[in-house]
Structures are given as structure tokens and as C-alpha cells.
C-alpha atoms as a PDB file:
ATOM      1  CA  MET A   1    -106.870  49.033  27.451  1.00  0.00           C
ATOM      2  CA  ALA A   2    -107.510  50.482  23.875  1.00  0.00           C
ATOM      3  CA  ARG A   3    -110.291  51.847  23.619  1.00  0.00           C
ATOM      4  CA  GLU A   4    -112.905  50.625  20.563  1.00  0.00           C
ATOM      5  CA  LYS A   5    -113.733  53.378  17.990  1.00  0.00           C
ATOM      6  CA  THR A   6    -117.922  53.830  17.415  1.00  0.00           C
ATOM      7  CA  SER A   7    -119.077  54.990  14.307  1.00  0.00           C
ATOM      8  CA  THR A   8    -119.504  58.671  15.137  1.00  0.00           C
ATOM      9  CA  GLN A   9    -115.968  58.703  16.517  1.00  0.00           C
ATOM     10  CA  GLN A  10    -114.275  57.926  13.629  1.00  0.00           C
ATOM     11  CA  ARG A  11    -110.912  59.611  12.603  1.00  0.00           C
ATOM     12  CA  LYS A  12    -111.583  62.744  10.493  1.00  0.00           C
ATOM     13  CA  ARG A  13    -109.147  62.478   7.330  1.00  0.00           C
ATOM     14  CA  PRO A  14    -108.555  65.469   4.968  1.00  0.00           C
ATOM     15  CA  GLY A  15    -109.801  65.219   1.496  1.00  0.00           C
ATOM     16  CA  GLY A  16    -113.504  65.017   1.861  1.00  0.00           C
ATOM     17  CA  PRO A  17    -115.803  62.451   2.838  1.00  0.00           C
ATOM     18  CA  ALA A  18    -114.383  58.870   3.514  1.00  0.00           C
ATOM     19  CA  GLY A  19    -111.105  59.645   2.948  1.00  0.00           C
ATOM     20  CA  GLN A  20    -111.466  60.554  -0.829  1.00  0.00           C
ATOM     21  CA  VAL A  21    -107.766  62.183  -1.786  1.00  0.00           C
ATOM     22  CA  LYS A  22    -107.148  63.060  -5.356  1.00  0.00           C
ATOM     23  CA  ARG A  23    -104.980  60.722  -6.662  1.00  0.00           C
ATOM     24  CA  ARG A  24    -102.147  61.459  -9.099  1.00  0.00           C
ATOM     25  CA  ASN A  25    -100.771  60.028 -11.337  1.00  0.00           C
ATOM     26  CA  CYS A  26     -97.588  59.966 -12.618  1.00  0.00           C
ATOM     27  CA  PHE A  27     -97.145  62.174 -16.370  1.00  0.00           C
ATOM     28  CA  PHE A  28     -94.605  59.621 -17.311  1.00  0.00           C
ATOM     29  CA  CYS A  29     -95.731  56.611 -16.570  1.00  0.00           C
ATOM     30  CA  LYS A  30     -99.075  57.562 -18.363  1.00  0.00           C
ATOM     31  CA  ASP A  31     -97.367  58.357 -21.665  1.00  0.00           C
ATOM     32  CA  LYS A  32     -95.171  55.518 -20.586  1.00  0.00           C
ATOM     33  CA  ILE A  33     -91.781  56.903 -20.671  1.00  0.00           C
ATOM     34  CA  ASP A  34     -88.580  55.399 -19.168  1.00  0.00           C
ATOM     35  CA  GLU A  35     -85.897  57.870 -19.308  1.00  0.00           C
ATOM     36  CA  ILE A  36     -85.960  61.747 -19.348  1.00  0.00           C
ATOM     37  CA  ASP A  37     -83.945  63.616 -20.963  1.00  0.00           C
ATOM     38  CA  TYR A  38     -81.769  66.365 -20.237  1.00  0.00           C
ATOM     39  CA  LYS A  39     -82.093  68.015 -23.719  1.00  0.00           C
ATOM     40  CA  ASN A  40     -85.978  68.269 -23.292  1.00  0.00           C
ATOM     41  CA  VAL A  41     -86.139  71.475 -21.845  1.00  0.00           C
ATOM     42  CA  SER A  42     -89.550  72.697 -22.321  1.00  0.00           C
ATOM     43  CA  GLN A  43     -90.780  69.401 -20.284  1.00  0.00           C
ATOM     44  CA  LEU A  44     -88.281  69.862 -17.391  1.00  0.00           C
ATOM     45  CA  ARG A  45     -89.361  73.507 -16.634  1.00  0.00           C
ATOM     46  CA  ARG A  46     -92.776  71.934 -15.596  1.00  0.00           C
ATOM     47  CA  TYR A  47     -90.912  70.564 -12.607  1.00  0.00           C
ATOM     48  CA  ILE A  48     -88.960  73.705 -11.644  1.00  0.00           C
ATOM     49  CA  SER A  49     -90.334  76.497  -9.474  1.00  0.00           C
ATOM     50  CA  GLU A  50     -90.605  80.242 -10.096  1.00  0.00           C
ATOM     51  CA  LYS A  51     -87.221  80.499  -8.234  1.00  0.00           C
ATOM     52  CA  GLY A  52     -85.460  77.438  -9.763  1.00  0.00           C
ATOM     53  CA  LYS A  53     -85.839  75.066  -7.530  1.00  0.00           C
ATOM     54  CA  ILE A  54     -86.962  71.795  -8.437  1.00  0.00           C
ATOM     55  CA  ARG A  55     -90.355  70.826  -6.926  1.00  0.00           C
ATOM     56  CA  SER A  56     -90.649  67.816  -5.035  1.00  0.00           C
ATOM     57  CA  ARG A  57     -92.984  64.424  -5.671  1.00  0.00           C
ATOM     58  CA  ARG A  58     -95.946  65.803  -4.071  1.00  0.00           C
ATOM     59  CA  ILE A  59     -96.251  68.764  -5.818  1.00  0.00           C
ATOM     60  CA  THR A  60     -95.612  67.441  -9.662  1.00  0.00           C
ATOM     61  CA  GLY A  61     -97.503  64.147  -8.962  1.00  0.00           C
ATOM     62  CA  ALA A  62     -94.656  61.909 -10.760  1.00  0.00           C
ATOM     63  CA  CYS A  63     -93.765  58.742  -9.343  1.00  0.00           C
ATOM     64  CA  ARG A  64     -90.414  58.332  -7.223  1.00  0.00           C
ATOM     65  CA  ARG A  65     -88.567  56.581  -9.906  1.00  0.00           C
ATOM     66  CA  HIS A  66     -89.408  58.901 -12.170  1.00  0.00           C
ATOM     67  CA  GLN A  67     -88.921  62.066  -9.833  1.00  0.00           C
ATOM     68  CA  VAL A  68     -85.572  60.882  -9.309  1.00  0.00           C
ATOM     69  CA  GLN A  69     -84.920  60.934 -13.083  1.00  0.00           C
ATOM     70  CA  VAL A  70     -86.398  64.345 -13.094  1.00  0.00           C
ATOM     71  CA  ALA A  71     -83.700  66.242 -10.285  1.00  0.00           C
ATOM     72  CA  THR A  72     -81.106  63.802 -12.217  1.00  0.00           C
ATOM     73  CA  ALA A  73     -82.318  65.611 -15.349  1.00  0.00           C
ATOM     74  CA  VAL A  74     -82.386  69.196 -14.098  1.00  0.00           C
ATOM     75  CA  LYS A  75     -79.324  69.342 -12.663  1.00  0.00           C
ATOM     76  CA  ARG A  76     -77.699  67.519 -15.789  1.00  0.00           C
ATOM     77  CA  ALA A  77     -79.499  70.622 -17.390  1.00  0.00           C
ATOM     78  CA  ARG A  78     -78.384  73.036 -15.292  1.00  0.00           C
ATOM     79  CA  GLU A  79     -74.550  71.900 -15.908  1.00  0.00           C
ATOM     80  CA  MET A  80     -74.919  72.130 -19.397  1.00  0.00           C
ATOM     81  CA  ALA A  81     -76.356  75.946 -19.429  1.00  0.00           C
ATOM     82  CA  LEU A  82     -79.828  74.717 -20.679  1.00  0.00           C
ATOM     83  CA  LEU A  83     -82.033  75.305 -17.427  1.00  0.00           C
ATOM     84  CA  PRO A  84     -80.996  78.489 -14.785  1.00  0.00           C
ATOM     85  CA  TYR A  85     -79.495  77.728 -11.064  1.00  0.00           C
ATOM     86  CA  VAL A  86     -81.362  80.192  -9.981  1.00  0.00           C
ATOM     87  CA  ALA A  87     -84.435  82.337 -12.051  1.00  0.00           C
ATOM     88  CA  GLU A  88     -83.884  85.871 -13.059  1.00  0.00           C
ATOM     89  CA  GLY A  89     -84.929  88.842 -11.402  1.00  0.00           C
ATOM     90  CA  VAL A  90     -84.900  86.976  -7.792  1.00  0.00           C
ATOM     91  CA  GLU A  91     -83.182  89.388  -5.652  1.00  0.00           C
ATOM     92  CA  GLU A  92     -80.346  88.025  -3.019  1.00  0.00           C
ATOM     93  CA  ARG A  93     -81.269  88.330   0.625  1.00  0.00           C
ATOM     94  CA  SER A  94     -79.445  88.545   3.802  1.00  0.00           C
ATOM     95  CA  GLY A  95     -79.550  85.502   5.735  1.00  0.00           C
ATOM     96  CA  GLY A  96     -79.744  87.436   9.472  1.00  0.00           C
ATOM     97  CA  GLY A  97     -79.181  90.561  11.416  1.00  0.00           C
ATOM     98  CA  GLY A  98     -82.440  92.435  10.062  1.00  0.00           C
ATOM     99  CA  GLY A  99     -80.209  95.649   9.341  1.00  0.00           C
ATOM    100  CA  ARG A 100     -78.353  97.245   7.039  1.00  0.00           C
ATOM    101  CA  ARG A 101     -74.662  96.601   7.208  1.00  0.00           C
ATOM    102  CA  ARG A 102     -72.424  99.305   8.033  1.00  0.00           C
ATOM    103  CA  ASP A 103     -68.841 100.073   7.072  1.00  0.00           C
ATOM    104  CA  ARG A 104     -66.820 102.530   8.445  1.00  0.00           C
ATOM    105  CA  ASP A 105     -67.468 105.111   5.966  1.00  0.00           C
ATOM    106  CA  ASP A 106     -70.851 104.868   7.434  1.00  0.00           C
ATOM    107  CA  ARG A 107     -70.117 105.570  10.894  1.00  0.00           C
END
């Protein structure tokens, strides 16, 4: 048997009272941009993190259609060497092991 919720037992939602969530509108939909150009590097940099990763829709606020176009444009710009695959100054880290790798000379 399902329990009915009373007004004092309502479910709490993130985002403040009455479930008001800040709604982000797609930048490209606002400006009525149909296709995203991979050569427009300054615009694409907004959708890339400091490490060089493509930011998600949740972060950018782009709609699904335009987010797919952004990802394709970033990948094309990387291939044409307009955007880096990895940001400069980011050091590579070894995956595991937790320690220094020893060679035969170190023993």
C-alpha cells in the first residue's frame, strides 16, 4: 500500500524553494546559429576545460544538438591543429603504482 505525502512531507529538491532551478539557455539557440564552425577557435575555447577536455552539456548549458556540433567542431579543430589535444603545462602522471619506477642502475 503506497503512502500519501502530506504538505509537510514533501520531497526536498536541490535548487532552493519549490524546486526553482536556474535554467540555462543554449548560446547558439539564442543567437540562432544553425551550424558551428570549427575554424572559430575563440568560440570553441569556451567549451574546453583548462586541461583540454570538452566540457559537458551540464556545464556549458548548450542544448543536445549544439553540444554534439561543438564536440565535432572541437575534434576537427584539433585535427587541423587549431586547438591543442592537451593544454600546455599539464604534466603527465603515471596511472598507478604510487611510487618511483626503478631501473637496474638504481639498485
